[in-house]
Amino acid sequence: MGQKTAVKRIRVVLRTGSIVFGLSAFALLLVPAVFNSWLGVTSTTELEWAMRMIGITLVALSGNMFSVSTRGRRGAVLLSGKVMLVAAFGLGVLTLMLPVQLNWFAIAYSLVGFGFSVAYALALFRK
């Protein structure tokens, strides 16, 4: 019963994360200069291109997160939850390591990563 409940909770977190990361993906694809400025990073043509590459990767990630959350078997959901726990934590850490003065958006974005990491941990390990 405990694992069944964990799978249900992870499905919700994956689905929610797919929406949040999907929105980030579209921002990175459509307006990378705006996203860079929100992070406090000086935008260049090269950096905007790289952000678009990250954006298209996030499209794939968010699509896979949604797919696993709605159609994945128990083992796939549990594995995705563990992978995303680490990845979301990494997003939070890397955002805080931006080589610029941190601003409200960078801190908020890192908190989103940490928040999802905690959500996955709670879904996976809460009894």
C-alpha atoms as a PDB file:
ATOM      1  CA  MET A   1       0.000   0.000   0.000  1.00  0.00           C
ATOM      2  CA  GLY A   2       2.825   2.461   0.825  1.00  0.00           C
ATOM      3  CA  GLN A   3       4.425   2.122  -2.601  1.00  0.00           C
ATOM      4  CA  LYS A   4       1.058   2.523  -4.307  1.00  0.00           C
ATOM      5  CA  THR A   5       0.478   5.804  -2.462  1.00  0.00           C
ATOM      6  CA  ALA A   6       4.011   6.964  -3.321  1.00  0.00           C
ATOM      7  CA  VAL A   7       3.349   6.300  -7.003  1.00  0.00           C
ATOM      8  CA  LYS A   8       0.149   8.362  -6.881  1.00  0.00           C
ATOM      9  CA  ARG A   9       1.972  11.251  -5.207  1.00  0.00           C
ATOM     10  CA  ILE A  10       4.868  11.100  -7.668  1.00  0.00           C
ATOM     11  CA  ARG A  11       2.417  11.160 -10.582  1.00  0.00           C
ATOM     12  CA  VAL A  12       0.989  14.428  -9.261  1.00  0.00           C
ATOM     13  CA  VAL A  13       4.438  15.972  -8.789  1.00  0.00           C
ATOM     14  CA  LEU A  14       5.541  14.835 -12.265  1.00  0.00           C
ATOM     15  CA  ARG A  15       2.403  16.277 -13.850  1.00  0.00           C
ATOM     16  CA  THR A  16       2.825  19.574 -12.001  1.00  0.00           C
ATOM     17  CA  GLY A  17       6.514  19.688 -12.893  1.00  0.00           C
ATOM     18  CA  SER A  18       5.741  19.034 -16.540  1.00  0.00           C
ATOM     19  CA  ILE A  19       3.600  22.177 -16.593  1.00  0.00           C
ATOM     20  CA  VAL A  20       6.177  24.335 -14.781  1.00  0.00           C
ATOM     21  CA  PHE A  21       9.112  23.114 -16.891  1.00  0.00           C
ATOM     22  CA  GLY A  22       6.969  23.324 -20.022  1.00  0.00           C
ATOM     23  CA  LEU A  23       6.330  27.016 -19.311  1.00  0.00           C
ATOM     24  CA  SER A  24      10.047  27.547 -18.769  1.00  0.00           C
ATOM     25  CA  ALA A  25      10.734  25.751 -22.039  1.00  0.00           C
ATOM     26  CA  PHE A  26       8.475  28.060 -24.007  1.00  0.00           C
ATOM     27  CA  ALA A  27       9.996  31.134 -22.360  1.00  0.00           C
ATOM     28  CA  LEU A  28      13.475  29.898 -23.245  1.00  0.00           C
ATOM     29  CA  LEU A  29      12.439  29.171 -26.828  1.00  0.00           C
ATOM     30  CA  LEU A  30      10.452  32.330 -27.486  1.00  0.00           C
ATOM     31  CA  VAL A  31      12.108  35.041 -25.386  1.00  0.00           C
ATOM     32  CA  PRO A  32      15.522  33.846 -24.182  1.00  0.00           C
ATOM     33  CA  ALA A  33      16.805  37.420 -23.806  1.00  0.00           C
ATOM     34  CA  VAL A  34      13.984  38.209 -21.373  1.00  0.00           C
ATOM     35  CA  PHE A  35      14.679  35.031 -19.386  1.00  0.00           C
ATOM     36  CA  ASN A  36      18.384  35.934 -19.285  1.00  0.00           C
ATOM     37  CA  SER A  37      17.628  39.434 -18.064  1.00  0.00           C
ATOM     38  CA  TRP A  38      15.358  38.051 -15.346  1.00  0.00           C
ATOM     39  CA  LEU A  39      18.271  35.888 -14.203  1.00  0.00           C
ATOM     40  CA  GLY A  40      20.533  38.940 -14.271  1.00  0.00           C
ATOM     41  CA  VAL A  41      22.687  37.499 -17.042  1.00  0.00           C
ATOM     42  CA  THR A  42      23.931  39.653 -19.910  1.00  0.00           C
ATOM     43  CA  SER A  43      22.301  38.275 -23.028  1.00  0.00           C
ATOM     44  CA  THR A  44      24.328  37.579 -26.161  1.00  0.00           C
ATOM     45  CA  THR A  45      23.381  35.931 -29.426  1.00  0.00           C
ATOM     46  CA  GLU A  46      25.402  32.888 -28.402  1.00  0.00           C
ATOM     47  CA  LEU A  47      23.790  32.655 -24.968  1.00  0.00           C
ATOM     48  CA  GLU A  48      20.312  33.075 -26.430  1.00  0.00           C
ATOM     49  CA  TRP A  49      21.041  30.212 -28.833  1.00  0.00           C
ATOM     50  CA  ALA A  50      22.200  28.053 -25.907  1.00  0.00           C
ATOM     51  CA  MET A  51      19.086  28.946 -23.909  1.00  0.00           C
ATOM     52  CA  ARG A  52      16.921  27.900 -26.861  1.00  0.00           C
ATOM     53  CA  MET A  53      18.794  24.568 -26.902  1.00  0.00           C
ATOM     54  CA  ILE A  54      17.969  24.177 -23.204  1.00  0.00           C
ATOM     55  CA  GLY A  55      14.374  25.153 -23.976  1.00  0.00           C
ATOM     56  CA  ILE A  56      13.901  22.448 -26.604  1.00  0.00           C
ATOM     57  CA  THR A  57      15.425  19.932 -24.203  1.00  0.00           C
ATOM     58  CA  LEU A  58      12.924  21.042 -21.562  1.00  0.00           C
ATOM     59  CA  VAL A  59      10.113  20.463 -24.069  1.00  0.00           C
ATOM     60  CA  ALA A  60      11.254  16.842 -24.295  1.00  0.00           C
ATOM     61  CA  LEU A  61      11.656  16.571 -20.517  1.00  0.00           C
ATOM     62  CA  SER A  62       8.255  18.040 -19.739  1.00  0.00           C
ATOM     63  CA  GLY A  63       6.605  15.831 -22.357  1.00  0.00           C
ATOM     64  CA  ASN A  64       8.234  12.751 -20.887  1.00  0.00           C
ATOM     65  CA  MET A  65       7.311  13.796 -17.369  1.00  0.00           C
ATOM     66  CA  PHE A  66       3.678  14.168 -18.407  1.00  0.00           C
ATOM     67  CA  SER A  67       3.742  10.849 -20.273  1.00  0.00           C
ATOM     68  CA  VAL A  68       5.200   8.953 -17.308  1.00  0.00           C
ATOM     69  CA  SER A  69       2.764  10.640 -14.926  1.00  0.00           C
ATOM     70  CA  THR A  70      -0.256   9.575 -16.977  1.00  0.00           C
ATOM     71  CA  ARG A  71       0.810   6.318 -18.599  1.00  0.00           C
ATOM     72  CA  GLY A  72       3.875   5.026 -16.790  1.00  0.00           C
ATOM     73  CA  ARG A  73       3.937   1.791 -14.879  1.00  0.00           C
ATOM     74  CA  ARG A  74       4.816   1.802 -11.208  1.00  0.00           C
ATOM     75  CA  GLY A  75       8.518   1.086 -11.740  1.00  0.00           C
ATOM     76  CA  ALA A  76       8.873   3.833 -14.334  1.00  0.00           C
ATOM     77  CA  VAL A  77       7.094   6.343 -12.109  1.00  0.00           C
ATOM     78  CA  LEU A  78       9.296   5.498  -9.121  1.00  0.00           C
ATOM     79  CA  LEU A  79      12.480   5.735 -11.198  1.00  0.00           C
ATOM     80  CA  SER A  80      11.376   9.045 -12.725  1.00  0.00           C
ATOM     81  CA  GLY A  81      10.654  10.396  -9.258  1.00  0.00           C
ATOM     82  CA  LYS A  82      14.167   9.487  -8.088  1.00  0.00           C
ATOM     83  CA  VAL A  83      15.800  10.970 -11.179  1.00  0.00           C
ATOM     84  CA  MET A  84      13.760  14.161 -10.906  1.00  0.00           C
ATOM     85  CA  LEU A  85      14.528  14.498  -7.187  1.00  0.00           C
ATOM     86  CA  VAL A  86      18.229  14.751  -8.084  1.00  0.00           C
ATOM     87  CA  ALA A  87      17.667  16.866 -11.206  1.00  0.00           C
ATOM     88  CA  ALA A  88      15.408  19.377  -9.442  1.00  0.00           C
ATOM     89  CA  PHE A  89      17.913  19.721  -6.609  1.00  0.00           C
ATOM     90  CA  GLY A  90      20.655  20.246  -9.199  1.00  0.00           C
ATOM     91  CA  LEU A  91      18.583  22.968 -10.859  1.00  0.00           C
ATOM     92  CA  GLY A  92      18.302  24.766  -7.539  1.00  0.00           C
ATOM     93  CA  VAL A  93      22.044  24.508  -6.845  1.00  0.00           C
ATOM     94  CA  LEU A  94      23.104  25.555 -10.344  1.00  0.00           C
ATOM     95  CA  THR A  95      20.756  28.522 -10.331  1.00  0.00           C
ATOM     96  CA  LEU A  96      22.323  29.737  -7.086  1.00  0.00           C
ATOM     97  CA  MET A  97      25.752  29.352  -8.715  1.00  0.00           C
ATOM     98  CA  LEU A  98      24.985  31.839 -11.499  1.00  0.00           C
ATOM     99  CA  PRO A  99      28.120  33.920 -12.079  1.00  0.00           C
ATOM    100  CA  VAL A 100      26.220  37.150 -11.424  1.00  0.00           C
ATOM    101  CA  GLN A 101      24.698  38.986  -8.475  1.00  0.00           C
ATOM    102  CA  LEU A 102      21.655  36.951  -7.463  1.00  0.00           C
ATOM    103  CA  ASN A 103      18.315  38.709  -7.826  1.00  0.00           C
ATOM    104  CA  TRP A 104      14.745  37.894  -6.800  1.00  0.00           C
ATOM    105  CA  PHE A 105      14.044  35.853  -9.952  1.00  0.00           C
ATOM    106  CA  ALA A 106      17.169  33.703  -9.685  1.00  0.00           C
ATOM    107  CA  ILE A 107      16.428  32.998  -6.036  1.00  0.00           C
ATOM    108  CA  ALA A 108      12.782  32.222  -6.811  1.00  0.00           C
ATOM    109  CA  TYR A 109      13.798  29.944  -9.702  1.00  0.00           C
ATOM    110  CA  SER A 110      16.233  28.079  -7.463  1.00  0.00           C
ATOM    111  CA  LEU A 111      13.492  27.704  -4.857  1.00  0.00           C
ATOM    112  CA  VAL A 112      11.264  26.146  -7.530  1.00  0.00           C
ATOM    113  CA  GLY A 113      13.961  23.533  -8.136  1.00  0.00           C
ATOM    114  CA  PHE A 114      14.455  22.890  -4.433  1.00  0.00           C
ATOM    115  CA  GLY A 115      10.689  22.807  -3.917  1.00  0.00           C
ATOM    116  CA  PHE A 116      10.236  20.114  -6.521  1.00  0.00           C
ATOM    117  CA  SER A 117      13.144  18.161  -5.065  1.00  0.00           C
ATOM    118  CA  VAL A 118      11.471  18.237  -1.643  1.00  0.00           C
ATOM    119  CA  ALA A 119       8.127  17.280  -3.209  1.00  0.00           C
ATOM    120  CA  TYR A 120       9.704  14.233  -4.864  1.00  0.00           C
ATOM    121  CA  ALA A 121      11.461  13.285  -1.621  1.00  0.00           C
ATOM    122  CA  LEU A 122       8.221  13.531   0.338  1.00  0.00           C
ATOM    123  CA  ALA A 123       6.339  11.547  -2.294  1.00  0.00           C
ATOM    124  CA  LEU A 124       8.999   8.843  -2.361  1.00  0.00           C
ATOM    125  CA  PHE A 125       9.888   8.495   1.293  1.00  0.00           C
ATOM    126  CA  ARG A 126       6.922   9.646   3.373  1.00  0.00           C
ATOM    127  CA  LYS A 127       5.189   6.810   5.155  1.00  0.00           C
END
